[in-house]
Protein backbone atom coordinates (compact mmCIF):
# COMPACT_ATOMS: atom_id res chain seq x y z
CA UNK A 1 -5.31 -9.86 8.60
CA UNK A 2 -5.98 -13.21 6.79
CA UNK A 3 -6.01 -11.49 3.29
CA UNK A 4 -2.31 -10.47 3.62
CA UNK A 5 -0.96 -13.71 2.30
CA UNK A 6 2.32 -15.03 1.16
CA UNK A 7 1.68 -13.55 -2.26
CA UNK A 8 3.25 -10.44 -0.84
CA UNK A 9 6.45 -12.02 -0.28
CA UNK A 10 6.69 -12.92 -3.83
CA UNK A 11 5.83 -9.40 -4.91
CA UNK A 12 8.79 -8.20 -2.81
CA UNK A 13 11.04 -10.51 -4.93
CA UNK A 14 13.38 -11.28 -2.05
CA UNK A 15 15.16 -14.30 -0.82
CA UNK A 16 14.67 -16.12 2.61
CA UNK A 17 17.37 -15.78 5.14
CA UNK A 18 18.24 -14.59 8.58
CA UNK A 19 17.08 -11.53 10.42
CA UNK A 20 19.18 -8.45 11.21
CA UNK A 21 20.52 -8.03 14.72
CA UNK A 22 19.40 -4.40 15.20
CA UNK A 23 15.99 -3.49 16.67
CA UNK A 24 12.82 -1.95 15.13
CA UNK A 25 13.16 1.76 14.82
CA UNK A 26 11.07 4.76 13.87
CA UNK A 27 12.70 6.82 11.22
CA UNK A 28 12.73 10.51 12.04
CA UNK A 29 11.56 13.21 9.70
CA UNK A 30 14.45 14.69 7.52
CA UNK A 31 14.44 17.65 5.23
CA UNK A 32 14.92 16.49 1.65
CA UNK A 33 15.88 18.26 -1.53
CA UNK A 34 13.30 20.34 -3.49
CA UNK A 35 12.45 18.26 -6.48
CA UNK A 36 10.50 21.28 -7.96
CA UNK A 37 13.83 23.16 -8.35
CA UNK A 38 14.94 23.54 -11.99
CA UNK A 39 18.06 21.39 -11.25
CA UNK A 40 18.71 19.04 -8.42
CA UNK A 41 22.31 18.03 -7.74
CA UNK A 42 22.55 14.50 -6.90
CA UNK A 43 26.12 13.55 -6.29
CA UNK A 44 28.08 14.80 -9.27
CA UNK A 45 25.08 14.83 -11.66
CA UNK A 46 22.42 17.45 -12.10
CA UNK A 47 18.95 16.16 -12.58
CA UNK A 48 15.46 17.59 -13.55
CA UNK A 49 12.37 16.17 -12.13
CA UNK A 50 9.17 15.93 -14.03
CA UNK A 51 5.61 15.06 -12.76
CA UNK A 52 4.81 11.64 -14.09
CA UNK A 53 1.39 10.13 -14.37
CA UNK A 54 1.14 6.60 -13.24
CA UNK A 55 -1.52 3.75 -13.00
CA UNK A 56 -3.62 5.42 -15.75
CA UNK A 57 -3.89 8.63 -14.02
CA UNK A 58 -4.47 7.20 -10.43
CA UNK A 59 -1.47 8.87 -9.06
CA UNK A 60 1.41 11.20 -10.00
CA UNK A 61 4.92 11.41 -8.92
CA UNK A 62 8.11 13.53 -9.54
CA UNK A 63 10.65 11.38 -11.27
CA UNK A 64 14.04 12.18 -12.80
CA UNK A 65 13.71 13.09 -16.41
CA UNK A 66 16.39 10.57 -17.29
CA UNK A 67 14.42 7.65 -15.81
CA UNK A 68 12.62 5.54 -18.44
CA UNK A 69 10.17 2.73 -18.17
CA UNK A 70 11.98 -0.62 -17.83
CA UNK A 71 11.52 -3.08 -20.75
CA UNK A 72 9.41 -6.16 -20.20
CA UNK A 73 12.49 -8.28 -20.89
CA UNK A 74 14.68 -6.58 -18.39
CA UNK A 75 11.84 -6.59 -15.75
CA UNK A 76 11.52 -10.39 -16.07
CA UNK A 77 15.26 -10.73 -15.39
CA UNK A 78 15.39 -8.18 -12.51
CA UNK A 79 12.03 -9.23 -11.00
CA UNK A 80 11.70 -13.01 -11.86
CA UNK A 81 8.53 -13.40 -9.66
CA UNK A 82 5.28 -13.61 -11.51
CA UNK A 83 4.11 -10.82 -9.02
CA UNK A 84 6.60 -8.40 -10.39
CA UNK A 85 5.59 -4.62 -10.18
CA UNK A 86 3.31 -3.41 -13.02
CA UNK A 87 5.29 -0.20 -13.55
CA UNK A 88 9.04 0.13 -13.19
CA UNK A 89 11.15 3.25 -13.96
CA UNK A 90 14.85 2.86 -14.10
CA UNK A 91 18.20 4.46 -15.14
CA UNK A 92 19.96 3.56 -18.22
CA UNK A 93 22.20 1.13 -16.22
CA UNK A 94 19.21 -0.24 -14.18
CA UNK A 95 21.01 0.41 -11.03
CA UNK A 96 18.46 2.77 -9.49
CA UNK A 97 14.80 1.90 -9.80
CA UNK A 98 11.28 2.99 -8.76
CA UNK A 99 8.59 0.28 -8.91
CA UNK A 100 4.85 0.66 -8.57
CA UNK A 101 2.66 -2.24 -7.63
CA UNK A 102 -1.11 -1.68 -7.03
CA UNK A 103 -1.77 -5.24 -5.78
CA UNK A 104 -5.12 -7.07 -5.54
CA UNK A 105 -4.83 -7.42 -1.76
CA UNK A 106 -7.68 -5.75 0.03
CA UNK A 107 -6.50 -2.88 2.26
CA UNK A 108 -8.99 -0.48 3.82
CA UNK A 109 -7.35 2.78 4.67
CA UNK A 110 -7.97 2.42 8.34
CA UNK A 111 -5.95 -0.82 8.38
CA UNK A 112 -2.88 0.74 6.96
CA UNK A 113 -0.97 0.72 10.30
CA UNK A 114 -1.70 -2.92 10.89
CA UNK A 115 -0.75 -3.78 7.29
CA UNK A 116 2.62 -2.06 7.66
CA UNK A 117 3.30 -3.87 11.01
CA UNK A 118 2.46 -7.16 9.41
CA UNK A 119 4.74 -6.32 6.29
CA UNK A 120 7.62 -5.58 8.63
CA UNK A 121 7.15 -8.84 10.52
CA UNK A 122 7.00 -10.67 7.28
CA UNK A 123 10.06 -8.93 5.82
CA UNK A 124 12.26 -9.55 8.87
CA UNK A 125 11.13 -13.21 9.01
CA UNK A 126 11.49 -14.04 5.31
CA UNK A 127 14.16 -11.63 3.80
CA UNK A 128 17.80 -11.89 4.09
CA UNK A 129 18.40 -8.29 5.49
CA UNK A 130 21.90 -6.87 6.26
CA UNK A 131 20.51 -3.69 7.89
CA UNK A 132 17.15 -2.50 9.12
CA UNK A 133 16.79 1.35 9.13
CA UNK A 134 13.32 1.55 10.57
CA UNK A 135 9.77 2.48 9.58
CA UNK A 136 7.50 5.71 9.61
CA UNK A 137 3.98 6.74 9.18
CA UNK A 138 2.90 10.13 7.88
CA UNK A 139 0.38 11.72 5.48
CA UNK A 140 0.61 12.95 1.88
CA UNK A 141 -2.13 15.67 1.24
CA UNK A 142 -4.12 14.22 4.09
CA UNK A 143 -3.79 10.57 3.01
CA UNK A 144 -2.11 8.24 5.44
CA UNK A 145 0.97 6.39 4.14
CA UNK A 146 3.70 4.18 5.66
CA UNK A 147 7.33 3.37 4.75
CA UNK A 148 10.14 1.21 5.79
CA UNK A 149 13.84 1.14 4.88
CA UNK A 150 16.33 -1.75 4.86
CA UNK A 151 19.39 -3.25 3.03
CA UNK A 152 19.50 -6.59 1.36
CA UNK A 153 22.53 -8.43 -0.17
CA UNK A 154 23.12 -8.35 -3.79
CA UNK A 155 25.96 -9.43 -6.05
CA UNK A 156 29.16 -7.58 -4.98
CA UNK A 157 27.03 -4.95 -3.22
CA UNK A 158 24.12 -4.27 -0.81
CA UNK A 159 20.68 -3.06 -2.13
CA UNK A 160 19.06 -0.19 -0.36
CA UNK A 161 15.26 -0.46 -0.44
CA UNK A 162 12.63 2.18 0.45
CA UNK A 163 8.98 0.89 0.47
CA UNK A 164 5.91 3.02 0.64
CA UNK A 165 2.56 1.46 1.56
CA UNK A 166 -0.78 3.02 0.99
CA UNK A 167 -4.43 2.27 0.42
CA UNK A 168 -5.65 3.10 -3.21
CA UNK A 169 -9.04 2.08 -4.24
CA UNK A 170 -9.17 -0.13 -1.02
CA UNK A 171 -6.24 -2.21 -2.33
CA UNK A 172 -2.71 -2.24 -1.20
CA UNK A 173 -0.37 -0.03 -3.06
CA UNK A 174 3.34 -0.56 -2.88
CA UNK A 175 6.03 1.93 -4.19
CA UNK A 176 9.54 0.71 -3.92
CA UNK A 177 12.80 2.61 -4.50
CA UNK A 178 16.08 0.69 -4.64
CA UNK A 179 19.56 1.39 -5.44
CA UNK A 180 22.99 -0.11 -4.66
CA UNK A 181 24.94 1.05 -1.47
CA UNK A 182 27.36 2.85 -3.79
CA UNK A 183 24.57 5.40 -4.59
CA UNK A 184 23.02 5.36 -1.18
CA UNK A 185 24.39 8.52 0.28
CA UNK A 186 23.45 10.51 -2.79
CA UNK A 187 19.98 8.94 -3.42
CA UNK A 188 18.51 8.18 0.06
CA UNK A 189 17.06 11.57 0.76
CA UNK A 190 15.99 11.93 -2.83
CA UNK A 191 14.07 8.68 -2.55
CA UNK A 192 12.00 9.81 0.22
CA UNK A 193 11.41 13.15 -1.43
CA UNK A 194 10.13 11.31 -4.45
CA UNK A 195 7.85 9.30 -2.31
CA UNK A 196 6.48 12.43 -0.66
CA UNK A 197 5.89 14.02 -4.07
CA UNK A 198 3.13 11.47 -4.84
CA UNK A 199 -0.32 12.83 -5.62
CA UNK A 200 -3.30 10.46 -5.39
CA UNK A 201 -5.86 11.48 -8.07
CA UNK A 202 -9.56 10.79 -7.20
CA UNK A 203 -11.09 8.61 -9.87
CA UNK A 204 -14.46 9.45 -11.42
CA UNK A 205 -17.33 7.12 -10.84
CA UNK A 206 -17.25 4.41 -13.46
CA UNK A 207 -13.46 4.42 -14.06
CA UNK A 208 -11.91 1.00 -14.24
CA UNK A 209 -9.72 -0.30 -11.42
CA UNK A 210 -5.91 -0.29 -11.89
CA UNK A 211 -3.68 -3.22 -11.66
């Protein structure tokens, strides 16, 4: 696991701090909303989800039609680390975000479970967490993936984070959803449904790798 270095901490863009007092836990399977429905009611607002191509066609994901690519200027403010995600979709007020980061860290698919455990240990050691929900491993169209969920403190709120880990082209892929705790009840099940909507598209021989 020597190639899982401290750069990953920077990519998560967190602050160092104490550990939560609750224990590790496995998140149970929960039924989420059908994002392929013509309209998905999230809180008081109706949303339409569209299949969105990401990473130059290496993956697709159902995202709300209202989400737009975050500007480079806003991304620098929101993710000050040089290892900020390469693709960030956000709402008009930037309170709800989906970030995609295809890292340069090597990750063979059969090492995903160990990678997830290492990431959890790193998160709990280096991040200032207010709550740890747990983690889960499952598959998307036969491809193994792993997730973890937690809360971190932010200005006048807590920030809910759902991170999905996968191996893409033998490199670590991290997909992160975050929102403030004010939107948590409405968006938590939607976040997981979006992650489960991911499709990994096999690349033709000779295609360039994605960053």
